Amino acid sequence: MAQNVQIVVGIDVAKQKVDACIRTLSQRNTFPNIAQGHRKMIAWLHKHKVNKAVMEASGGYERDWARVLRLAGIEVRIVDPKRVRSFALSAGRLAKNDTIDAEMIAWFAETFGEAPSQTHNAAHEELVALVKARKRLVDLKIRLQSQDEHAPSGLVQKAHARVLRSLAAEITRLEAAISAKVKATPEFAERADIIESVPGLAETTSAILIAGMPELGQVGDEIAAALTGLAPYDDDSGKRRGERHIKGGRRWVRNAIYMPCLGAATQNNPVLKAFYQRLIAKGKEPKVALVACMRKLIIILNAMIARRQKWDPSRYALN
């Protein structure tokens, strides 16, 4: 029976070190972010029979620690820092500008212990890295193009042109690598076939969804919408009824499907187009109607991937 007891450690990851807290045992420790620190932490965790580690996503610093912990047989769960901060604020344990510590992460993990741990997936990590690298270069290209409109003629514009050509070439290389990775990974290739069967969604969008929403097909519709930041939240107070609005979620994924969904809802997807037009006819603002279409699209994709079925307009035209 004792083997089923879960002992959780909260880990606050920084560049040079990590702070760890086993809240239920009142144990704390700090370890340097080096190989010796890895070994000492694992020995400490095994000593206290820890079987689950929870840490925030911290710009990539958490990846090495997650790998080390998994190799040591400890489950790893990486959580959204916004969720931990919201939890701390609701518990009255955090001021606006205070930092999250390891104890708070542990408390959050104990309170929401039903959430599953993530298994290590090297192919998925590589795809995420490629997709995010492409996004950064595309963002840089857009900013430079915007600046170029106001740049003086001559050397500045020529310099911008050279950089833009280089960026375009690197983006093309990354897109080729992303495509090759998807095709070489059976799980990704199957998901890509399903996603790209939806009118309006092409290869780039499907790669972003595969990288950014691995939960599709494995969670409920409400969770899928919330993870993408497309779940509507009430803004009511007493008798006042405010407008529902979206918040949170993975903004980079949501932003990536905005334009494809706009095209699908206004031009080339009959199901989303009919849904969009029906909302507009009811007096919804175009942007509100489009967000509703994005939410509907994520819910449809969630069902398609769960069923391992390609696009069937007759199945999704009813709602």
C-alpha atoms as a PDB file:
ATOM      1  CA  MET A   1       0.000   0.000   0.000  1.00  0.00           C
ATOM      2  CA  ALA A   2       2.853   2.346   0.905  1.00  0.00           C
ATOM      3  CA  GLN A   3       4.234   1.978  -2.604  1.00  0.00           C
ATOM      4  CA  ASN A   4       1.221   3.902  -3.935  1.00  0.00           C
ATOM      5  CA  VAL A   5       1.914   6.962  -1.763  1.00  0.00           C
ATOM      6  CA  GLN A   6       3.021   9.859  -3.957  1.00  0.00           C
ATOM      7  CA  ILE A   7       5.754  12.120  -2.633  1.00  0.00           C
ATOM      8  CA  VAL A   8       6.145  15.250  -4.723  1.00  0.00           C
ATOM      9  CA  VAL A   9       9.048  17.648  -4.988  1.00  0.00           C
ATOM     10  CA  GLY A  10       8.611  21.178  -6.317  1.00  0.00           C
ATOM     11  CA  ILE A  11      11.624  22.410  -8.257  1.00  0.00           C
ATOM     12  CA  ASP A  12      12.380  26.053  -9.033  1.00  0.00           C
ATOM     13  CA  VAL A  13      14.803  26.049 -11.962  1.00  0.00           C
ATOM     14  CA  ALA A  14      17.267  28.860 -12.662  1.00  0.00           C
ATOM     15  CA  LYS A  15      20.261  29.085 -14.966  1.00  0.00           C
ATOM     16  CA  GLN A  16      22.915  28.363 -12.331  1.00  0.00           C
ATOM     17  CA  LYS A  17      20.989  26.341  -9.739  1.00  0.00           C
ATOM     18  CA  VAL A  18      17.715  24.784  -8.689  1.00  0.00           C
ATOM     19  CA  ASP A  19      15.841  25.028  -5.399  1.00  0.00           C
ATOM     20  CA  ALA A  20      13.859  21.950  -4.383  1.00  0.00           C
ATOM     21  CA  CYS A  21      11.138  21.544  -1.772  1.00  0.00           C
ATOM     22  CA  ILE A  22       9.426  18.368  -0.530  1.00  0.00           C
ATOM     23  CA  ARG A  23       6.600  20.211   1.174  1.00  0.00           C
ATOM     24  CA  THR A  24       4.964  17.211   2.856  1.00  0.00           C
ATOM     25  CA  LEU A  25       8.261  16.309   4.557  1.00  0.00           C
ATOM     26  CA  SER A  26       9.381  19.915   5.252  1.00  0.00           C
ATOM     27  CA  GLN A  27      12.573  19.274   3.292  1.00  0.00           C
ATOM     28  CA  ARG A  28      14.426  21.878   1.223  1.00  0.00           C
ATOM     29  CA  ASN A  29      17.684  21.868  -0.682  1.00  0.00           C
ATOM     30  CA  THR A  30      19.598  23.724  -3.395  1.00  0.00           C
ATOM     31  CA  PHE A  31      21.717  22.126  -6.123  1.00  0.00           C
ATOM     32  CA  PRO A  32      24.083  23.646  -8.697  1.00  0.00           C
ATOM     33  CA  ASN A  33      23.135  23.204 -12.346  1.00  0.00           C
ATOM     34  CA  ILE A  34      26.094  20.941 -13.114  1.00  0.00           C
ATOM     35  CA  ALA A  35      26.609  17.160 -13.348  1.00  0.00           C
ATOM     36  CA  GLN A  36      27.593  16.929  -9.676  1.00  0.00           C
ATOM     37  CA  GLY A  37      24.451  18.838  -8.730  1.00  0.00           C
ATOM     38  CA  HIS A  38      22.364  16.416 -10.793  1.00  0.00           C
ATOM     39  CA  ARG A  39      23.816  13.439  -8.928  1.00  0.00           C
ATOM     40  CA  LYS A  40      23.349  15.036  -5.502  1.00  0.00           C
ATOM     41  CA  MET A  41      19.744  15.923  -6.217  1.00  0.00           C
ATOM     42  CA  ILE A  42      18.882  12.397  -7.393  1.00  0.00           C
ATOM     43  CA  ALA A  43      20.495  10.895  -4.272  1.00  0.00           C
ATOM     44  CA  TRP A  44      18.539  13.358  -2.074  1.00  0.00           C
ATOM     45  CA  LEU A  45      15.250  12.594  -3.823  1.00  0.00           C
ATOM     46  CA  HIS A  46      15.778   8.830  -3.601  1.00  0.00           C
ATOM     47  CA  LYS A  47      16.632   9.177   0.096  1.00  0.00           C
ATOM     48  CA  HIS A  48      13.217  10.775   0.668  1.00  0.00           C
ATOM     49  CA  LYS A  49      11.432   8.336  -1.686  1.00  0.00           C
ATOM     50  CA  VAL A  50      10.238  11.100  -4.037  1.00  0.00           C
ATOM     51  CA  ASN A  51       8.441   9.686  -7.078  1.00  0.00           C
ATOM     52  CA  LYS A  52       7.175  12.832  -8.824  1.00  0.00           C
ATOM     53  CA  ALA A  53       8.883  16.126  -9.670  1.00  0.00           C
ATOM     54  CA  VAL A  54       7.067  19.267 -10.772  1.00  0.00           C
ATOM     55  CA  MET A  55       8.701  22.347 -12.262  1.00  0.00           C
ATOM     56  CA  GLU A  56       7.693  25.367 -14.278  1.00  0.00           C
ATOM     57  CA  ALA A  57       8.524  25.814 -17.940  1.00  0.00           C
ATOM     58  CA  SER A  58      11.482  28.183 -17.722  1.00  0.00           C
ATOM     59  CA  GLY A  59      12.755  28.917 -21.193  1.00  0.00           C
ATOM     60  CA  GLY A  60      14.483  25.570 -21.640  1.00  0.00           C
ATOM     61  CA  TYR A  61      16.524  25.422 -18.419  1.00  0.00           C
ATOM     62  CA  GLU A  62      14.135  22.747 -17.150  1.00  0.00           C
ATOM     63  CA  ARG A  63      14.889  20.282 -19.972  1.00  0.00           C
ATOM     64  CA  ASP A  64      18.193  18.896 -18.648  1.00  0.00           C
ATOM     65  CA  TRP A  65      16.732  18.457 -15.185  1.00  0.00           C
ATOM     66  CA  ALA A  66      13.659  16.716 -16.629  1.00  0.00           C
ATOM     67  CA  ARG A  67      15.902  14.326 -18.553  1.00  0.00           C
ATOM     68  CA  VAL A  68      18.027  13.544 -15.475  1.00  0.00           C
ATOM     69  CA  LEU A  69      14.955  12.967 -13.301  1.00  0.00           C
ATOM     70  CA  ARG A  70      13.306  10.655 -15.819  1.00  0.00           C
ATOM     71  CA  LEU A  71      16.489   8.615 -16.178  1.00  0.00           C
ATOM     72  CA  ALA A  72      16.406   8.198 -12.397  1.00  0.00           C
ATOM     73  CA  GLY A  73      12.869   6.785 -12.575  1.00  0.00           C
ATOM     74  CA  ILE A  74      11.091   9.898 -11.258  1.00  0.00           C
ATOM     75  CA  GLU A  75       7.946  11.149 -13.005  1.00  0.00           C
ATOM     76  CA  VAL A  76       8.188  14.690 -14.322  1.00  0.00           C
ATOM     77  CA  ARG A  77       5.447  17.241 -14.810  1.00  0.00           C
ATOM     78  CA  ILE A  78       6.217  20.623 -16.368  1.00  0.00           C
ATOM     79  CA  VAL A  79       3.551  23.246 -15.673  1.00  0.00           C
ATOM     80  CA  ASP A  80       2.603  26.656 -17.015  1.00  0.00           C
ATOM     81  CA  PRO A  81       4.033  29.378 -14.711  1.00  0.00           C
ATOM     82  CA  LYS A  82       0.814  31.380 -15.097  1.00  0.00           C
ATOM     83  CA  ARG A  83      -1.194  28.581 -13.499  1.00  0.00           C
ATOM     84  CA  VAL A  84       1.141  28.420 -10.504  1.00  0.00           C
ATOM     85  CA  ARG A  85       1.053  32.208 -10.081  1.00  0.00           C
ATOM     86  CA  SER A  86      -2.752  32.287 -10.302  1.00  0.00           C
ATOM     87  CA  PHE A  87      -2.907  29.520  -7.686  1.00  0.00           C
ATOM     88  CA  ALA A  88      -0.546  31.406  -5.377  1.00  0.00           C
ATOM     89  CA  LEU A  89      -2.513  34.635  -5.746  1.00  0.00           C
ATOM     90  CA  SER A  90      -5.809  32.870  -5.035  1.00  0.00           C
ATOM     91  CA  ALA A  91      -4.272  31.324  -1.912  1.00  0.00           C
ATOM     92  CA  GLY A  92      -3.152  34.754  -0.688  1.00  0.00           C
ATOM     93  CA  ARG A  93       0.468  33.649  -0.592  1.00  0.00           C
ATOM     94  CA  LEU A  94       1.862  35.954  -3.231  1.00  0.00           C
ATOM     95  CA  ALA A  95       2.027  39.673  -3.942  1.00  0.00           C
ATOM     96  CA  LYS A  96       1.914  40.907  -7.535  1.00  0.00           C
ATOM     97  CA  ASN A  97       5.677  41.112  -8.042  1.00  0.00           C
ATOM     98  CA  ASP A  98       6.794  38.271  -5.763  1.00  0.00           C
ATOM     99  CA  THR A  99       8.605  35.342  -7.305  1.00  0.00           C
ATOM    100  CA  ILE A 100       7.320  31.780  -7.303  1.00  0.00           C
ATOM    101  CA  ASP A 101       9.416  29.463  -5.118  1.00  0.00           C
ATOM    102  CA  ALA A 102       9.836  25.697  -4.941  1.00  0.00           C
ATOM    103  CA  GLU A 103       7.416  25.355  -2.015  1.00  0.00           C
ATOM    104  CA  MET A 104       4.640  27.047  -3.978  1.00  0.00           C
ATOM    105  CA  ILE A 105       5.259  24.779  -6.971  1.00  0.00           C
ATOM    106  CA  ALA A 106       5.071  21.747  -4.670  1.00  0.00           C
ATOM    107  CA  TRP A 107       1.830  22.995  -3.098  1.00  0.00           C
ATOM    108  CA  PHE A 108       0.320  23.567  -6.545  1.00  0.00           C
ATOM    109  CA  ALA A 109       1.340  20.053  -7.619  1.00  0.00           C
ATOM    110  CA  GLU A 110      -0.204  18.491  -4.511  1.00  0.00           C
ATOM    111  CA  THR A 111      -3.449  20.420  -5.001  1.00  0.00           C
ATOM    112  CA  PHE A 112      -3.748  19.520  -8.688  1.00  0.00           C
ATOM    113  CA  GLY A 113      -2.171  16.090  -8.494  1.00  0.00           C
ATOM    114  CA  GLU A 114      -4.588  14.517 -10.965  1.00  0.00           C
ATOM    115  CA  ALA A 115      -2.835  16.044 -13.963  1.00  0.00           C
ATOM    116  CA  PRO A 116      -0.681  13.494 -15.824  1.00  0.00           C
ATOM    117  CA  SER A 117       3.093  13.593 -16.037  1.00  0.00           C
ATOM    118  CA  GLN A 118       4.761  14.059 -19.409  1.00  0.00           C
ATOM    119  CA  THR A 119       6.723  11.238 -20.935  1.00  0.00           C
ATOM    120  CA  HIS A 120       9.974  12.128 -22.638  1.00  0.00           C
ATOM    121  CA  ASN A 121       9.625  12.407 -26.403  1.00  0.00           C
ATOM    122  CA  ALA A 122      12.864  13.378 -28.119  1.00  0.00           C
ATOM    123  CA  ALA A 123      11.217  13.662 -31.554  1.00  0.00           C
ATOM    124  CA  HIS A 124       8.589  16.038 -30.197  1.00  0.00           C
ATOM    125  CA  GLU A 125      11.207  18.167 -28.425  1.00  0.00           C
ATOM    126  CA  GLU A 126      13.161  18.464 -31.662  1.00  0.00           C
ATOM    127  CA  LEU A 127      10.042  19.433 -33.615  1.00  0.00           C
ATOM    128  CA  VAL A 128       9.127  22.070 -31.012  1.00  0.00           C
ATOM    129  CA  ALA A 129      12.644  23.519 -31.248  1.00  0.00           C
ATOM    130  CA  LEU A 130      12.458  23.686 -35.050  1.00  0.00           C
ATOM    131  CA  VAL A 131       8.964  25.209 -35.103  1.00  0.00           C
ATOM    132  CA  LYS A 132       9.850  27.839 -32.499  1.00  0.00           C
ATOM    133  CA  ALA A 133      13.108  28.670 -34.281  1.00  0.00           C
ATOM    134  CA  ARG A 134      11.152  29.254 -37.483  1.00  0.00           C
ATOM    135  CA  LYS A 135       8.684  31.455 -35.590  1.00  0.00           C
ATOM    136  CA  ARG A 136      11.484  33.614 -34.188  1.00  0.00           C
ATOM    137  CA  LEU A 137      12.998  34.139 -37.636  1.00  0.00           C
ATOM    138  CA  VAL A 138       9.598  34.920 -39.180  1.00  0.00           C
ATOM    139  CA  ASP A 139       8.922  37.461 -36.408  1.00  0.00           C
ATOM    140  CA  LEU A 140      12.338  39.008 -37.005  1.00  0.00           C
ATOM    141  CA  LYS A 141      11.677  39.181 -40.752  1.00  0.00           C
ATOM    142  CA  ILE A 142       8.336  40.918 -40.201  1.00  0.00           C
ATOM    143  CA  ARG A 143       9.877  43.478 -37.831  1.00  0.00           C
ATOM    144  CA  LEU A 144      12.717  44.221 -40.230  1.00  0.00           C
ATOM    145  CA  GLN A 145      10.307  44.593 -43.153  1.00  0.00           C
ATOM    146  CA  SER A 146       8.289  47.045 -41.088  1.00  0.00           C
ATOM    147  CA  GLN A 147      11.404  49.053 -40.206  1.00  0.00           C
ATOM    148  CA  ASP A 148      12.537  48.996 -43.815  1.00  0.00           C
ATOM    149  CA  GLU A 149       9.482  51.033 -44.837  1.00  0.00           C
ATOM    150  CA  HIS A 150      10.887  53.993 -42.887  1.00  0.00           C
ATOM    151  CA  ALA A 151      14.591  53.416 -43.476  1.00  0.00           C
ATOM    152  CA  PRO A 152      16.523  55.982 -45.510  1.00  0.00           C
ATOM    153  CA  SER A 153      17.547  54.870 -48.972  1.00  0.00           C
ATOM    154  CA  GLY A 154      21.056  53.731 -49.711  1.00  0.00           C
ATOM    155  CA  LEU A 155      23.257  51.667 -47.415  1.00  0.00           C
ATOM    156  CA  VAL A 156      20.577  51.023 -44.776  1.00  0.00           C
ATOM    157  CA  GLN A 157      18.070  49.584 -47.235  1.00  0.00           C
ATOM    158  CA  LYS A 158      20.774  47.518 -48.918  1.00  0.00           C
ATOM    159  CA  ALA A 159      21.839  46.113 -45.536  1.00  0.00           C
ATOM    160  CA  HIS A 160      18.217  45.299 -44.717  1.00  0.00           C
ATOM    161  CA  ALA A 161      17.799  43.599 -48.078  1.00  0.00           C
ATOM    162  CA  ARG A 162      20.825  41.367 -47.470  1.00  0.00           C
ATOM    163  CA  VAL A 163      19.564  40.383 -44.021  1.00  0.00           C
ATOM    164  CA  LEU A 164      16.066  39.716 -45.361  1.00  0.00           C
ATOM    165  CA  ARG A 165      17.464  37.441 -48.079  1.00  0.00           C
ATOM    166  CA  SER A 166      19.465  35.568 -45.466  1.00  0.00           C
ATOM    167  CA  LEU A 167      16.418  35.253 -43.194  1.00  0.00           C
ATOM    168  CA  ALA A 168      14.292  33.953 -46.058  1.00  0.00           C
ATOM    169  CA  ALA A 169      16.919  31.309 -46.852  1.00  0.00           C
ATOM    170  CA  GLU A 170      17.167  30.193 -43.214  1.00  0.00           C
ATOM    171  CA  ILE A 171      13.372  30.048 -42.876  1.00  0.00           C
ATOM    172  CA  THR A 172      13.237  27.851 -45.980  1.00  0.00           C
ATOM    173  CA  ARG A 173      15.876  25.519 -44.495  1.00  0.00           C
ATOM    174  CA  LEU A 174      13.955  25.256 -41.232  1.00  0.00           C
ATOM    175  CA  GLU A 175      10.704  24.558 -43.061  1.00  0.00           C
ATOM    176  CA  ALA A 176      12.404  21.752 -44.976  1.00  0.00           C
ATOM    177  CA  ALA A 177      13.745  20.310 -41.704  1.00  0.00           C
ATOM    178  CA  ILE A 178      10.289  20.559 -40.095  1.00  0.00           C
ATOM    179  CA  SER A 179       8.675  18.812 -43.053  1.00  0.00           C
ATOM    180  CA  ALA A 180      11.312  16.063 -43.013  1.00  0.00           C
ATOM    181  CA  LYS A 181      10.886  15.543 -39.268  1.00  0.00           C
ATOM    182  CA  VAL A 182       7.108  15.223 -39.568  1.00  0.00           C
ATOM    183  CA  LYS A 183       7.350  12.770 -42.456  1.00  0.00           C
ATOM    184  CA  ALA A 184      10.037  10.696 -40.720  1.00  0.00           C
ATOM    185  CA  THR A 185       7.997  10.294 -37.518  1.00  0.00           C
ATOM    186  CA  PRO A 186       4.971   7.996 -38.051  1.00  0.00           C
ATOM    187  CA  GLU A 187       2.934   9.562 -35.232  1.00  0.00           C
ATOM    188  CA  PHE A 188       3.511  13.066 -36.618  1.00  0.00           C
ATOM    189  CA  ALA A 189       2.854  11.988 -40.201  1.00  0.00           C
ATOM    190  CA  GLU A 190      -0.495  10.480 -39.237  1.00  0.00           C
ATOM    191  CA  ARG A 191      -1.515  13.632 -37.367  1.00  0.00           C
ATOM    192  CA  ALA A 192      -0.395  15.810 -40.268  1.00  0.00           C
ATOM    193  CA  ASP A 193      -2.563  13.836 -42.706  1.00  0.00           C
ATOM    194  CA  ILE A 194      -5.571  14.322 -40.444  1.00  0.00           C
ATOM    195  CA  ILE A 195      -4.990  18.032 -39.794  1.00  0.00           C
ATOM    196  CA  GLU A 196      -4.185  18.891 -43.424  1.00  0.00           C
ATOM    197  CA  SER A 197      -7.363  17.155 -44.589  1.00  0.00           C
ATOM    198  CA  VAL A 198      -9.278  20.114 -43.092  1.00  0.00           C
ATOM    199  CA  PRO A 199      -9.905  22.730 -45.800  1.00  0.00           C
ATOM    200  CA  GLY A 200      -7.855  25.805 -44.973  1.00  0.00           C
ATOM    201  CA  LEU A 201      -5.077  24.092 -43.011  1.00  0.00           C
ATOM    202  CA  ALA A 202      -1.748  23.498 -44.704  1.00  0.00           C
ATOM    203  CA  GLU A 203       1.643  22.020 -43.814  1.00  0.00           C
ATOM    204  CA  THR A 204       2.988  24.905 -41.717  1.00  0.00           C
ATOM    205  CA  THR A 205      -0.125  25.120 -39.547  1.00  0.00           C
ATOM    206  CA  SER A 206      -0.263  21.360 -39.028  1.00  0.00           C
ATOM    207  CA  ALA A 207       3.380  21.297 -37.886  1.00  0.00           C
ATOM    208  CA  ILE A 208       2.678  24.064 -35.362  1.00  0.00           C
ATOM    209  CA  LEU A 209      -0.346  22.176 -34.019  1.00  0.00           C
ATOM    210  CA  ILE A 210       1.603  18.915 -33.778  1.00  0.00           C
ATOM    211  CA  ALA A 211       4.394  20.691 -31.901  1.00  0.00           C
ATOM    212  CA  GLY A 212       2.299  23.028 -29.783  1.00  0.00           C
ATOM    213  CA  MET A 213      -0.750  20.892 -29.011  1.00  0.00           C
ATOM    214  CA  PRO A 214       0.392  17.291 -28.413  1.00  0.00           C
ATOM    215  CA  GLU A 215      -2.654  16.844 -26.150  1.00  0.00           C
ATOM    216  CA  LEU A 216      -5.088  16.949 -29.095  1.00  0.00           C
ATOM    217  CA  GLY A 217      -7.044  13.722 -29.240  1.00  0.00           C
ATOM    218  CA  GLN A 218      -6.186  12.848 -25.630  1.00  0.00           C
ATOM    219  CA  VAL A 219      -8.165  15.439 -23.642  1.00  0.00           C
ATOM    220  CA  GLY A 220     -11.725  16.714 -23.505  1.00  0.00           C
ATOM    221  CA  ASP A 221     -12.939  19.516 -25.760  1.00  0.00           C
ATOM    222  CA  GLU A 222     -13.005  22.109 -22.960  1.00  0.00           C
ATOM    223  CA  ILE A 223      -9.412  21.338 -21.980  1.00  0.00           C
ATOM    224  CA  ALA A 224      -8.276  21.467 -25.625  1.00  0.00           C
ATOM    225  CA  ALA A 225      -9.894  24.891 -26.014  1.00  0.00           C
ATOM    226  CA  ALA A 226      -8.411  26.117 -22.724  1.00  0.00           C
ATOM    227  CA  LEU A 227      -4.903  24.931 -23.614  1.00  0.00           C
ATOM    228  CA  THR A 228      -5.095  26.982 -26.798  1.00  0.00           C
ATOM    229  CA  GLY A 229      -6.476  29.964 -24.889  1.00  0.00           C
ATOM    230  CA  LEU A 230      -9.817  29.773 -26.695  1.00  0.00           C
ATOM    231  CA  ALA A 231     -12.099  28.871 -23.798  1.00  0.00           C
ATOM    232  CA  PRO A 232     -14.572  31.687 -22.989  1.00  0.00           C
ATOM    233  CA  TYR A 233     -14.572  33.032 -19.423  1.00  0.00           C
ATOM    234  CA  ASP A 234     -17.362  34.987 -17.760  1.00  0.00           C
ATOM    235  CA  ASP A 235     -16.856  38.556 -16.538  1.00  0.00           C
ATOM    236  CA  ASP A 236     -19.822  38.840 -14.190  1.00  0.00           C
ATOM    237  CA  SER A 237     -20.090  40.673 -10.893  1.00  0.00           C
ATOM    238  CA  GLY A 238     -23.321  40.707  -8.915  1.00  0.00           C
ATOM    239  CA  LYS A 239     -26.106  41.652 -11.304  1.00  0.00           C
ATOM    240  CA  ARG A 240     -23.695  42.893 -13.932  1.00  0.00           C
ATOM    241  CA  ARG A 241     -23.193  40.557 -16.867  1.00  0.00           C
ATOM    242  CA  GLY A 242     -19.992  41.333 -18.692  1.00  0.00           C
ATOM    243  CA  GLU A 243     -18.856  40.038 -22.039  1.00  0.00           C
ATOM    244  CA  ARG A 244     -17.239  36.628 -22.120  1.00  0.00           C
ATOM    245  CA  HIS A 245     -13.601  36.712 -23.141  1.00  0.00           C
ATOM    246  CA  ILE A 246     -10.658  34.408 -23.734  1.00  0.00           C
ATOM    247  CA  LYS A 247      -7.386  34.438 -21.839  1.00  0.00           C
ATOM    248  CA  GLY A 248      -4.302  32.365 -21.088  1.00  0.00           C
ATOM    249  CA  GLY A 249      -3.356  29.279 -23.031  1.00  0.00           C
ATOM    250  CA  ARG A 250      -0.592  28.899 -25.578  1.00  0.00           C
ATOM    251  CA  ARG A 251      -0.635  32.215 -27.332  1.00  0.00           C
ATOM    252  CA  TRP A 252       1.940  31.225 -29.939  1.00  0.00           C
ATOM    253  CA  VAL A 253      -0.298  28.356 -31.085  1.00  0.00           C
ATOM    254  CA  ARG A 254      -3.419  30.513 -31.026  1.00  0.00           C
ATOM    255  CA  ASN A 255      -1.723  33.242 -33.049  1.00  0.00           C
ATOM    256  CA  ALA A 256      -0.494  30.665 -35.575  1.00  0.00           C
ATOM    257  CA  ILE A 257      -4.008  29.417 -36.378  1.00  0.00           C
ATOM    258  CA  TYR A 258      -5.574  32.891 -36.552  1.00  0.00           C
ATOM    259  CA  MET A 259      -4.885  33.614 -40.220  1.00  0.00           C
ATOM    260  CA  PRO A 260      -5.540  30.062 -41.497  1.00  0.00           C
ATOM    261  CA  CYS A 261      -8.837  30.053 -39.613  1.00  0.00           C
ATOM    262  CA  LEU A 262      -9.725  33.470 -41.025  1.00  0.00           C
ATOM    263  CA  GLY A 263      -9.264  32.116 -44.538  1.00  0.00           C
ATOM    264  CA  ALA A 264     -11.171  28.952 -43.710  1.00  0.00           C
ATOM    265  CA  ALA A 265     -14.082  30.811 -42.120  1.00  0.00           C
ATOM    266  CA  THR A 266     -14.454  33.384 -44.864  1.00  0.00           C
ATOM    267  CA  GLN A 267     -13.444  31.464 -47.979  1.00  0.00           C
ATOM    268  CA  ASN A 268     -12.500  27.814 -48.256  1.00  0.00           C
ATOM    269  CA  ASN A 269     -14.056  25.748 -45.452  1.00  0.00           C
ATOM    270  CA  PRO A 270     -17.816  25.339 -45.934  1.00  0.00           C
ATOM    271  CA  VAL A 271     -18.457  24.200 -42.353  1.00  0.00           C
ATOM    272  CA  LEU A 272     -16.581  27.050 -40.675  1.00  0.00           C
ATOM    273  CA  LYS A 273     -17.857  29.521 -43.256  1.00  0.00           C
ATOM    274  CA  ALA A 274     -21.489  28.619 -42.506  1.00  0.00           C
ATOM    275  CA  PHE A 275     -20.797  28.806 -38.767  1.00  0.00           C
ATOM    276  CA  TYR A 276     -19.097  32.205 -39.144  1.00  0.00           C
ATOM    277  CA  GLN A 277     -21.902  33.633 -41.256  1.00  0.00           C
ATOM    278  CA  ARG A 278     -24.516  32.382 -38.799  1.00  0.00           C
ATOM    279  CA  LEU A 279     -22.759  34.178 -35.947  1.00  0.00           C
ATOM    280  CA  ILE A 280     -22.452  37.383 -37.973  1.00  0.00           C
ATOM    281  CA  ALA A 281     -26.179  37.182 -38.802  1.00  0.00           C
ATOM    282  CA  LYS A 282     -26.876  37.001 -35.062  1.00  0.00           C
ATOM    283  CA  GLY A 283     -25.061  40.303 -34.584  1.00  0.00           C
ATOM    284  CA  LYS A 284     -21.680  39.032 -33.396  1.00  0.00           C
ATOM    285  CA  GLU A 285     -18.662  41.200 -34.117  1.00  0.00           C
ATOM    286  CA  PRO A 286     -16.411  39.692 -36.832  1.00  0.00           C
ATOM    287  CA  LYS A 287     -13.518  39.178 -34.401  1.00  0.00           C
ATOM    288  CA  VAL A 288     -15.787  37.497 -31.839  1.00  0.00           C
ATOM    289  CA  ALA A 289     -17.195  35.248 -34.561  1.00  0.00           C
ATOM    290  CA  LEU A 290     -13.682  34.375 -35.731  1.00  0.00           C
ATOM    291  CA  VAL A 291     -12.564  33.412 -32.206  1.00  0.00           C
ATOM    292  CA  ALA A 292     -15.634  31.164 -31.981  1.00  0.00           C
ATOM    293  CA  CYS A 293     -14.582  29.574 -35.272  1.00  0.00           C
ATOM    294  CA  MET A 294     -11.062  29.022 -33.932  1.00  0.00           C
ATOM    295  CA  ARG A 295     -12.520  27.311 -30.881  1.00  0.00           C
ATOM    296  CA  LYS A 296     -14.773  25.169 -33.066  1.00  0.00           C
ATOM    297  CA  LEU A 297     -11.781  24.254 -35.240  1.00  0.00           C
ATOM    298  CA  ILE A 298      -9.725  23.085 -32.233  1.00  0.00           C
ATOM    299  CA  ILE A 299     -12.657  21.015 -30.962  1.00  0.00           C
ATOM    300  CA  ILE A 300     -13.127  19.442 -34.406  1.00  0.00           C
ATOM    301  CA  LEU A 301      -9.405  18.623 -34.640  1.00  0.00           C
ATOM    302  CA  ASN A 302      -9.505  17.155 -31.140  1.00  0.00           C
ATOM    303  CA  ALA A 303     -12.290  14.789 -32.204  1.00  0.00           C
ATOM    304  CA  MET A 304     -10.678  13.923 -35.541  1.00  0.00           C
ATOM    305  CA  ILE A 305      -7.346  13.004 -33.972  1.00  0.00           C
ATOM    306  CA  ALA A 306      -9.040  11.018 -31.190  1.00  0.00           C
ATOM    307  CA  ARG A 307     -10.958   9.031 -33.845  1.00  0.00           C
ATOM    308  CA  ARG A 308      -7.966   8.936 -36.213  1.00  0.00           C
ATOM    309  CA  GLN A 309     -10.315  10.105 -38.956  1.00  0.00           C
ATOM    310  CA  LYS A 310      -9.829  12.658 -41.712  1.00  0.00           C
ATOM    311  CA  TRP A 311     -12.131  15.563 -42.476  1.00  0.00           C
ATOM    312  CA  ASP A 312     -15.796  14.717 -42.974  1.00  0.00           C
ATOM    313  CA  PRO A 313     -17.920  17.876 -43.465  1.00  0.00           C
ATOM    314  CA  SER A 314     -21.176  16.020 -42.848  1.00  0.00           C
ATOM    315  CA  ARG A 315     -20.018  15.056 -39.327  1.00  0.00           C
ATOM    316  CA  TYR A 316     -19.121  18.569 -38.183  1.00  0.00           C
ATOM    317  CA  ALA A 317     -21.705  20.714 -39.943  1.00  0.00           C
ATOM    318  CA  LEU A 318     -24.395  20.144 -37.316  1.00  0.00           C
ATOM    319  CA  ASN A 319     -23.147  22.313 -34.422  1.00  0.00           C
END
